[in-house]
Amino acid sequence: MIEGVGIDVVDVERFGQSLERTPELRNRLFTAAEAALPLSSLAARFAAKEALAKALNNKLLAWHDAEIINLESGKPEFLFRGDTAELIDGAKVHVSLSHDAGIASAVVIVERQ
């Protein structure tokens, strides 16, 4: 059964300006592995974390507790830790990322048995 669906869209250039204006923001939003990625990938990961919060109807997620990793195939997947892992509690979380023409987007579906 689908528990929630979230979607978010980010203007990559504007997101980059935010990171430049507030340098500590990169480390606040992303794990070390994520922070090393190119700007368009960061914007897509930010969109995914926002979409996750929407799908869970919970705006109080810890940013580092929901890391986006890529499987060998390239498929993105969440790696959950801490309170977010407890909140997910065995649910299947589907994530899709995209970035093109200056826009990054993500869709997240939370599914429970």
N, C-alpha and C. Protein backbone atom coordinates (compact mmCIF):
# COMPACT_ATOMS: atom_id res chain seq x y z
N MET A 1 0.84 -1.17 0.00
CA MET A 1 0.00 0.00 0.00
C MET A 1 0.90 1.25 0.00
N ILE A 2 0.57 2.20 -0.83
CA ILE A 2 1.33 3.45 -0.88
C ILE A 2 0.92 4.32 0.30
N GLU A 3 1.92 4.71 1.08
CA GLU A 3 1.69 5.58 2.24
C GLU A 3 1.79 7.04 1.87
N GLY A 4 2.69 7.35 0.94
CA GLY A 4 2.87 8.75 0.57
C GLY A 4 3.68 8.92 -0.69
N VAL A 5 3.44 10.03 -1.36
CA VAL A 5 4.17 10.40 -2.57
C VAL A 5 4.63 11.84 -2.39
N GLY A 6 5.87 12.10 -2.75
CA GLY A 6 6.39 13.46 -2.69
C GLY A 6 7.14 13.79 -3.96
N ILE A 7 7.09 15.04 -4.34
CA ILE A 7 7.83 15.52 -5.52
C ILE A 7 8.40 16.89 -5.17
N ASP A 8 9.58 17.18 -5.72
CA ASP A 8 10.17 18.50 -5.52
C ASP A 8 10.99 18.86 -6.75
N VAL A 9 11.04 20.14 -7.03
CA VAL A 9 11.77 20.68 -8.18
C VAL A 9 12.67 21.81 -7.68
N VAL A 10 13.92 21.83 -8.16
CA VAL A 10 14.90 22.82 -7.71
C VAL A 10 15.55 23.49 -8.91
N ASP A 11 15.62 24.80 -8.89
CA ASP A 11 16.37 25.55 -9.89
C ASP A 11 17.85 25.42 -9.54
N VAL A 12 18.62 24.76 -10.38
CA VAL A 12 20.02 24.44 -10.08
C VAL A 12 20.85 25.70 -9.85
N GLU A 13 20.72 26.70 -10.70
CA GLU A 13 21.52 27.93 -10.55
C GLU A 13 21.20 28.63 -9.23
N ARG A 14 19.93 28.75 -8.92
CA ARG A 14 19.52 29.40 -7.67
C ARG A 14 20.01 28.62 -6.45
N PHE A 15 19.96 27.28 -6.54
CA PHE A 15 20.46 26.44 -5.45
C PHE A 15 21.96 26.66 -5.28
N GLY A 16 22.69 26.75 -6.39
CA GLY A 16 24.13 27.02 -6.33
C GLY A 16 24.43 28.37 -5.69
N GLN A 17 23.62 29.38 -5.99
CA GLN A 17 23.80 30.69 -5.37
C GLN A 17 23.58 30.61 -3.86
N SER A 18 22.62 29.81 -3.44
CA SER A 18 22.37 29.63 -2.00
C SER A 18 23.59 28.99 -1.33
N LEU A 19 24.17 28.00 -1.98
CA LEU A 19 25.35 27.33 -1.43
C LEU A 19 26.54 28.29 -1.36
N GLU A 20 26.68 29.17 -2.34
CA GLU A 20 27.77 30.15 -2.34
C GLU A 20 27.56 31.20 -1.25
N ARG A 21 26.33 31.66 -1.10
CA ARG A 21 26.01 32.69 -0.10
C ARG A 21 26.20 32.17 1.33
N THR A 22 25.89 30.88 1.52
CA THR A 22 25.94 30.27 2.85
C THR A 22 26.79 29.00 2.76
N PRO A 23 28.11 29.13 2.82
CA PRO A 23 29.00 27.98 2.60
C PRO A 23 28.74 26.79 3.53
N GLU A 24 28.33 27.04 4.77
CA GLU A 24 28.10 25.93 5.70
C GLU A 24 26.85 25.11 5.34
N LEU A 25 26.03 25.64 4.45
CA LEU A 25 24.81 24.96 4.04
C LEU A 25 25.11 23.60 3.40
N ARG A 26 26.16 23.53 2.60
CA ARG A 26 26.53 22.26 1.93
C ARG A 26 26.73 21.15 2.96
N ASN A 27 27.46 21.44 4.02
CA ASN A 27 27.72 20.42 5.03
C ASN A 27 26.52 20.16 5.93
N ARG A 28 25.63 21.12 6.05
CA ARG A 28 24.42 20.93 6.84
C ARG A 28 23.42 20.03 6.12
N LEU A 29 23.35 20.15 4.79
CA LEU A 29 22.36 19.41 4.01
C LEU A 29 22.83 18.04 3.55
N PHE A 30 24.14 17.88 3.36
CA PHE A 30 24.65 16.69 2.70
C PHE A 30 25.72 15.98 3.52
N THR A 31 25.79 14.65 3.35
CA THR A 31 26.89 13.89 3.94
C THR A 31 28.16 14.24 3.17
N ALA A 32 29.31 13.82 3.68
CA ALA A 32 30.58 14.11 3.01
C ALA A 32 30.61 13.53 1.59
N ALA A 33 30.09 12.32 1.42
CA ALA A 33 30.07 11.69 0.10
C ALA A 33 29.17 12.48 -0.86
N GLU A 34 28.02 12.93 -0.40
CA GLU A 34 27.13 13.71 -1.25
C GLU A 34 27.73 15.07 -1.58
N ALA A 35 28.33 15.72 -0.59
CA ALA A 35 28.85 17.08 -0.75
C ALA A 35 29.92 17.18 -1.83
N ALA A 36 30.58 16.06 -2.15
CA ALA A 36 31.64 16.06 -3.15
C ALA A 36 31.10 16.01 -4.59
N LEU A 37 29.81 15.85 -4.75
CA LEU A 37 29.21 15.69 -6.09
C LEU A 37 29.03 17.04 -6.79
N PRO A 38 28.82 17.01 -8.11
CA PRO A 38 28.58 18.25 -8.87
C PRO A 38 27.26 18.91 -8.45
N LEU A 39 27.15 20.19 -8.73
CA LEU A 39 26.00 20.99 -8.31
C LEU A 39 24.67 20.39 -8.76
N SER A 40 24.55 19.94 -10.00
CA SER A 40 23.26 19.41 -10.46
C SER A 40 22.86 18.16 -9.67
N SER A 41 23.84 17.35 -9.27
CA SER A 41 23.55 16.16 -8.46
C SER A 41 23.14 16.57 -7.04
N LEU A 42 23.78 17.61 -6.52
CA LEU A 42 23.40 18.10 -5.19
C LEU A 42 21.96 18.63 -5.20
N ALA A 43 21.62 19.37 -6.24
CA ALA A 43 20.27 19.92 -6.34
C ALA A 43 19.25 18.79 -6.42
N ALA A 44 19.54 17.73 -7.17
CA ALA A 44 18.63 16.60 -7.26
C ALA A 44 18.50 15.87 -5.92
N ARG A 45 19.59 15.75 -5.20
CA ARG A 45 19.55 15.11 -3.88
C ARG A 45 18.78 15.95 -2.87
N PHE A 46 18.94 17.26 -2.95
CA PHE A 46 18.15 18.14 -2.10
C PHE A 46 16.67 17.96 -2.42
N ALA A 47 16.33 17.92 -3.70
CA ALA A 47 14.94 17.71 -4.11
C ALA A 47 14.42 16.38 -3.57
N ALA A 48 15.25 15.34 -3.58
CA ALA A 48 14.83 14.03 -3.08
C ALA A 48 14.55 14.06 -1.58
N LYS A 49 15.38 14.76 -0.83
CA LYS A 49 15.17 14.84 0.62
C LYS A 49 13.89 15.63 0.93
N GLU A 50 13.65 16.68 0.16
CA GLU A 50 12.41 17.45 0.31
C GLU A 50 11.20 16.59 -0.07
N ALA A 51 11.32 15.83 -1.15
CA ALA A 51 10.23 14.96 -1.59
C ALA A 51 9.96 13.86 -0.55
N LEU A 52 11.01 13.35 0.07
CA LEU A 52 10.85 12.35 1.13
C LEU A 52 10.05 12.93 2.29
N ALA A 53 10.41 14.15 2.71
CA ALA A 53 9.69 14.79 3.81
C ALA A 53 8.21 14.94 3.45
N LYS A 54 7.93 15.30 2.21
CA LYS A 54 6.53 15.44 1.77
C LYS A 54 5.82 14.09 1.79
N ALA A 55 6.49 13.05 1.30
CA ALA A 55 5.88 11.71 1.25
C ALA A 55 5.58 11.19 2.65
N LEU A 56 6.41 11.58 3.62
CA LEU A 56 6.22 11.14 4.99
C LEU A 56 5.37 12.10 5.82
N ASN A 57 4.97 13.21 5.19
CA ASN A 57 4.20 14.25 5.89
C ASN A 57 4.93 14.68 7.16
N ASN A 58 6.26 14.82 7.05
CA ASN A 58 7.10 15.11 8.21
C ASN A 58 8.20 16.07 7.79
N LYS A 59 8.13 17.30 8.22
CA LYS A 59 9.13 18.30 7.85
C LYS A 59 10.34 18.30 8.79
N LEU A 60 10.39 17.38 9.75
CA LEU A 60 11.45 17.41 10.77
C LEU A 60 12.53 16.35 10.54
N LEU A 61 12.79 15.98 9.30
CA LEU A 61 13.81 14.99 9.01
C LEU A 61 15.21 15.59 9.20
N ALA A 62 16.12 14.80 9.74
CA ALA A 62 17.52 15.22 9.84
C ALA A 62 18.17 14.98 8.47
N TRP A 63 18.76 16.01 7.89
CA TRP A 63 19.29 15.94 6.53
C TRP A 63 20.26 14.78 6.33
N HIS A 64 21.16 14.55 7.29
CA HIS A 64 22.19 13.52 7.14
C HIS A 64 21.63 12.11 7.35
N ASP A 65 20.41 12.01 7.90
CA ASP A 65 19.81 10.70 8.15
C ASP A 65 19.18 10.09 6.90
N ALA A 66 19.14 10.83 5.81
CA ALA A 66 18.60 10.34 4.54
C ALA A 66 19.60 10.66 3.44
N GLU A 67 20.57 9.78 3.26
CA GLU A 67 21.62 9.96 2.25
C GLU A 67 21.22 9.26 0.96
N ILE A 68 21.48 9.90 -0.15
CA ILE A 68 21.24 9.26 -1.46
C ILE A 68 22.55 8.64 -1.92
N ILE A 69 22.50 7.34 -2.16
CA ILE A 69 23.64 6.63 -2.72
C ILE A 69 23.25 6.11 -4.10
N ASN A 70 24.23 5.71 -4.88
CA ASN A 70 23.94 5.09 -6.17
C ASN A 70 24.40 3.65 -6.14
N LEU A 71 23.53 2.75 -6.56
CA LEU A 71 23.91 1.35 -6.70
C LEU A 71 24.87 1.21 -7.88
N GLU A 72 25.49 0.06 -8.02
CA GLU A 72 26.42 -0.16 -9.14
C GLU A 72 25.77 0.14 -10.48
N SER A 73 24.48 -0.13 -10.58
CA SER A 73 23.74 0.10 -11.82
C SER A 73 23.53 1.59 -12.10
N GLY A 74 23.78 2.43 -11.07
CA GLY A 74 23.54 3.86 -11.19
C GLY A 74 22.23 4.29 -10.56
N LYS A 75 21.38 3.32 -10.22
CA LYS A 75 20.07 3.61 -9.63
C LYS A 75 20.26 4.28 -8.27
N PRO A 76 19.58 5.41 -8.05
CA PRO A 76 19.68 6.07 -6.75
C PRO A 76 18.84 5.34 -5.71
N GLU A 77 19.31 5.40 -4.47
CA GLU A 77 18.60 4.75 -3.37
C GLU A 77 18.91 5.51 -2.09
N PHE A 78 17.94 5.57 -1.19
CA PHE A 78 18.18 6.19 0.10
C PHE A 78 18.90 5.23 1.03
N LEU A 79 19.80 5.78 1.82
CA LEU A 79 20.44 5.07 2.93
C LEU A 79 19.99 5.82 4.18
N PHE A 80 19.19 5.15 5.02
CA PHE A 80 18.62 5.81 6.19
C PHE A 80 19.40 5.49 7.45
N ARG A 81 19.45 6.50 8.33
CA ARG A 81 20.11 6.38 9.63
C ARG A 81 19.23 7.03 10.70
N GLY A 82 19.59 6.80 11.95
CA GLY A 82 19.00 7.54 13.07
C GLY A 82 17.48 7.52 13.11
N ASP A 83 16.92 8.68 13.48
CA ASP A 83 15.48 8.81 13.64
C ASP A 83 14.73 8.56 12.34
N THR A 84 15.34 8.90 11.21
CA THR A 84 14.67 8.68 9.93
C THR A 84 14.56 7.19 9.64
N ALA A 85 15.59 6.41 9.98
CA ALA A 85 15.52 4.95 9.80
C ALA A 85 14.39 4.38 10.65
N GLU A 86 14.23 4.90 11.87
CA GLU A 86 13.13 4.44 12.73
C GLU A 86 11.78 4.82 12.13
N LEU A 87 11.69 6.01 11.57
CA LEU A 87 10.45 6.47 10.95
C LEU A 87 10.10 5.60 9.73
N ILE A 88 11.09 5.24 8.95
CA ILE A 88 10.87 4.40 7.77
C ILE A 88 10.45 2.99 8.18
N ASP A 89 11.09 2.44 9.20
CA ASP A 89 10.72 1.17 9.83
C ASP A 89 10.30 0.09 8.83
N GLY A 90 11.19 -0.24 7.91
CA GLY A 90 10.93 -1.34 6.99
C GLY A 90 10.12 -1.00 5.75
N ALA A 91 9.68 0.23 5.61
CA ALA A 91 8.93 0.62 4.41
C ALA A 91 9.86 0.58 3.20
N LYS A 92 9.32 0.32 2.05
CA LYS A 92 10.07 0.40 0.80
C LYS A 92 9.96 1.83 0.31
N VAL A 93 11.12 2.45 0.03
CA VAL A 93 11.13 3.83 -0.44
C VAL A 93 11.72 3.85 -1.84
N HIS A 94 10.93 4.31 -2.79
CA HIS A 94 11.35 4.42 -4.18
C HIS A 94 11.74 5.88 -4.44
N VAL A 95 12.84 6.08 -5.15
CA VAL A 95 13.27 7.45 -5.47
C VAL A 95 13.73 7.52 -6.92
N SER A 96 13.35 8.60 -7.58
CA SER A 96 13.79 8.87 -8.94
C SER A 96 14.30 10.30 -9.00
N LEU A 97 15.49 10.49 -9.56
CA LEU A 97 16.11 11.80 -9.68
C LEU A 97 16.28 12.17 -11.15
N SER A 98 16.23 13.46 -11.43
CA SER A 98 16.49 13.93 -12.78
C SER A 98 17.05 15.35 -12.71
N HIS A 99 17.91 15.68 -13.67
CA HIS A 99 18.36 17.07 -13.80
C HIS A 99 18.69 17.33 -15.26
N ASP A 100 18.07 18.42 -15.76
CA ASP A 100 18.25 18.80 -17.16
C ASP A 100 17.79 20.24 -17.32
N ALA A 101 18.42 20.97 -18.23
CA ALA A 101 18.02 22.34 -18.57
C ALA A 101 17.92 23.25 -17.35
N GLY A 102 18.83 23.05 -16.39
CA GLY A 102 18.87 23.93 -15.22
C GLY A 102 17.89 23.60 -14.12
N ILE A 103 17.18 22.49 -14.26
CA ILE A 103 16.19 22.09 -13.25
C ILE A 103 16.55 20.70 -12.75
N ALA A 104 16.48 20.51 -11.43
CA ALA A 104 16.65 19.19 -10.82
C ALA A 104 15.31 18.82 -10.19
N SER A 105 14.97 17.54 -10.26
CA SER A 105 13.70 17.11 -9.68
C SER A 105 13.85 15.73 -9.07
N ALA A 106 12.90 15.41 -8.20
CA ALA A 106 12.88 14.09 -7.57
C ALA A 106 11.46 13.72 -7.23
N VAL A 107 11.19 12.43 -7.32
CA VAL A 107 9.93 11.85 -6.90
C VAL A 107 10.25 10.75 -5.90
N VAL A 108 9.50 10.72 -4.80
CA VAL A 108 9.68 9.69 -3.78
C VAL A 108 8.33 9.06 -3.49
N ILE A 109 8.32 7.73 -3.44
CA ILE A 109 7.13 6.97 -3.06
C ILE A 109 7.49 6.11 -1.87
N VAL A 110 6.68 6.21 -0.80
CA VAL A 110 6.87 5.38 0.39
C VAL A 110 5.76 4.32 0.37
N GLU A 111 6.18 3.06 0.44
CA GLU A 111 5.26 1.95 0.32
C GLU A 111 5.42 1.03 1.54
N ARG A 112 4.30 0.66 2.12
CA ARG A 112 4.30 -0.26 3.27
C ARG A 112 3.54 -1.53 2.89
N GLN A 113 3.94 -2.64 3.49
CA GLN A 113 3.25 -3.92 3.25
C GLN A 113 1.86 -3.91 3.81
